[in-house]
Amino acid sequence: MSEHVHKVTREHGETKGRFFIRKDGEEAELTYSITTPTLIIADHTGVPDSFRGTGAGLALAEALVAAARADGFKIIALCPFVKAQSLKHPEWADVFSR
C-alpha cells in the first residue's frame, strides 16, 4: 500500500472558506461557513473518484481540526463525512461542538 502525502491549501473568506487538494486538474475539497469568529460549520466534503482510497478526505478533515486548534474555533459538523470522522477520532472531541 502506497503512502499518500497531500498538500492541503486553505482559502478563508469573511463568511465562507475551504480546504482543498488539487491533483491532475481535479480538486477534493471541504467547505465551511463561518458563523462567528469562534464557530464554523463544516458544510460539505467532495472527493472525486480519482482521489478515492488516497486518504484525501481524511487529510482535509485533519487540516480542519488543526486550523480549529490553531485559530481557536469550534466546528459544527453538518457534513456527514466530517461528522463520521469526528466519531472515529475521539481525540478531536476538543474542537467539535456537540
Protein backbone atom coordinates (compact mmCIF):
# COMPACT_ATOMS: atom_id res chain seq x y z
CA MET A 1 0.00 0.00 0.00
CA SER A 2 1.49 3.33 -1.01
CA GLU A 3 1.63 6.26 1.36
CA HIS A 4 -0.04 9.39 0.01
CA VAL A 5 1.02 12.82 1.15
CA HIS A 6 -1.44 15.55 0.30
CA LYS A 7 -0.75 19.26 0.10
CA VAL A 8 -3.82 20.84 1.65
CA THR A 9 -4.45 24.51 0.84
CA ARG A 10 -6.82 26.78 2.76
CA GLU A 11 -8.90 29.63 1.38
CA HIS A 12 -10.53 31.67 4.12
CA GLY A 13 -13.01 34.47 3.44
CA GLU A 14 -15.32 36.59 5.58
CA THR A 15 -18.26 34.19 5.60
CA LYS A 16 -17.00 31.03 3.92
CA GLY A 17 -13.85 29.05 3.41
CA ARG A 18 -12.49 25.77 2.23
CA PHE A 19 -9.61 23.37 2.39
CA PHE A 20 -8.67 21.72 -0.87
CA ILE A 21 -6.22 19.36 -2.52
CA ARG A 22 -5.52 19.84 -6.22
CA LYS A 23 -4.12 16.98 -8.30
CA ASP A 24 -4.07 16.43 -12.05
CA GLY A 25 -6.61 19.19 -12.65
CA GLU A 26 -9.10 17.87 -10.09
CA GLU A 27 -9.91 19.05 -6.59
CA ALA A 28 -11.01 17.39 -3.39
CA GLU A 29 -12.48 19.97 -1.02
CA LEU A 30 -14.02 20.52 2.37
CA THR A 31 -16.13 23.68 2.57
CA TYR A 32 -17.19 25.58 5.67
CA SER A 33 -19.33 28.53 6.70
CA ILE A 34 -18.22 31.00 9.35
CA THR A 35 -20.99 31.76 11.83
CA THR A 36 -18.90 33.63 14.41
CA PRO A 37 -15.14 34.09 14.92
CA THR A 38 -15.22 31.07 17.24
CA LEU A 39 -17.69 28.78 15.44
CA ILE A 40 -17.71 27.35 11.94
CA ILE A 41 -19.96 24.84 10.20
CA ALA A 42 -18.33 22.11 8.11
CA ASP A 43 -20.77 22.07 5.18
CA HIS A 44 -19.54 19.62 2.59
CA THR A 45 -16.68 17.34 1.64
CA GLY A 46 -16.32 16.46 -2.03
CA VAL A 47 -13.73 13.92 -3.17
CA PRO A 48 -13.58 12.97 -6.88
CA ASP A 49 -13.23 9.31 -7.80
CA SER A 50 -9.60 9.88 -8.79
CA PHE A 51 -8.83 10.65 -5.12
CA ARG A 52 -10.69 7.67 -3.63
CA GLY A 53 -8.57 5.49 -1.42
CA THR A 54 -5.79 8.07 -1.13
CA GLY A 55 -6.79 9.46 2.26
CA ALA A 56 -7.66 12.85 0.74
CA GLY A 57 -10.89 13.21 2.71
CA LEU A 58 -9.14 12.40 5.98
CA ALA A 59 -6.32 14.84 5.12
CA LEU A 60 -8.92 17.59 4.61
CA ALA A 61 -10.62 16.77 7.93
CA GLU A 62 -7.24 16.75 9.71
CA ALA A 63 -6.44 20.19 8.23
CA LEU A 64 -9.79 21.49 9.53
CA VAL A 65 -9.09 20.13 13.02
CA ALA A 66 -5.56 21.61 13.01
CA ALA A 67 -6.94 25.01 11.95
CA ALA A 68 -9.60 24.87 14.68
CA ARG A 69 -6.92 24.25 17.30
CA ALA A 70 -4.58 26.91 15.90
CA ASP A 71 -7.26 29.58 15.43
CA GLY A 72 -9.41 28.77 18.46
CA PHE A 73 -12.73 27.92 16.82
CA LYS A 74 -15.20 25.08 17.31
CA ILE A 75 -16.70 23.03 14.49
CA ILE A 76 -20.31 22.02 13.91
CA ALA A 77 -20.24 19.01 11.58
CA LEU A 78 -23.21 19.26 9.21
CA CYS A 79 -21.23 17.36 6.58
CA PRO A 80 -21.86 13.61 7.06
CA PHE A 81 -18.23 12.76 6.25
CA VAL A 82 -16.80 15.21 8.80
CA LYS A 83 -19.34 14.01 11.38
CA ALA A 84 -18.34 10.37 10.77
CA GLN A 85 -14.63 11.24 11.02
CA SER A 86 -15.20 13.14 14.28
CA LEU A 87 -16.79 10.00 15.75
CA LYS A 88 -13.90 7.81 14.52
CA HIS A 89 -11.38 10.20 16.09
CA PRO A 90 -12.35 10.84 19.73
CA GLU A 91 -9.06 12.74 20.14
CA TRP A 92 -10.67 15.50 18.05
CA ALA A 93 -13.52 16.00 20.55
CA ASP A 94 -11.95 19.23 21.83
CA VAL A 95 -12.77 21.07 18.59
CA PHE A 96 -16.25 19.69 17.83
CA SER A 97 -19.35 21.39 19.19
CA ARG A 98 -21.77 18.59 20.02
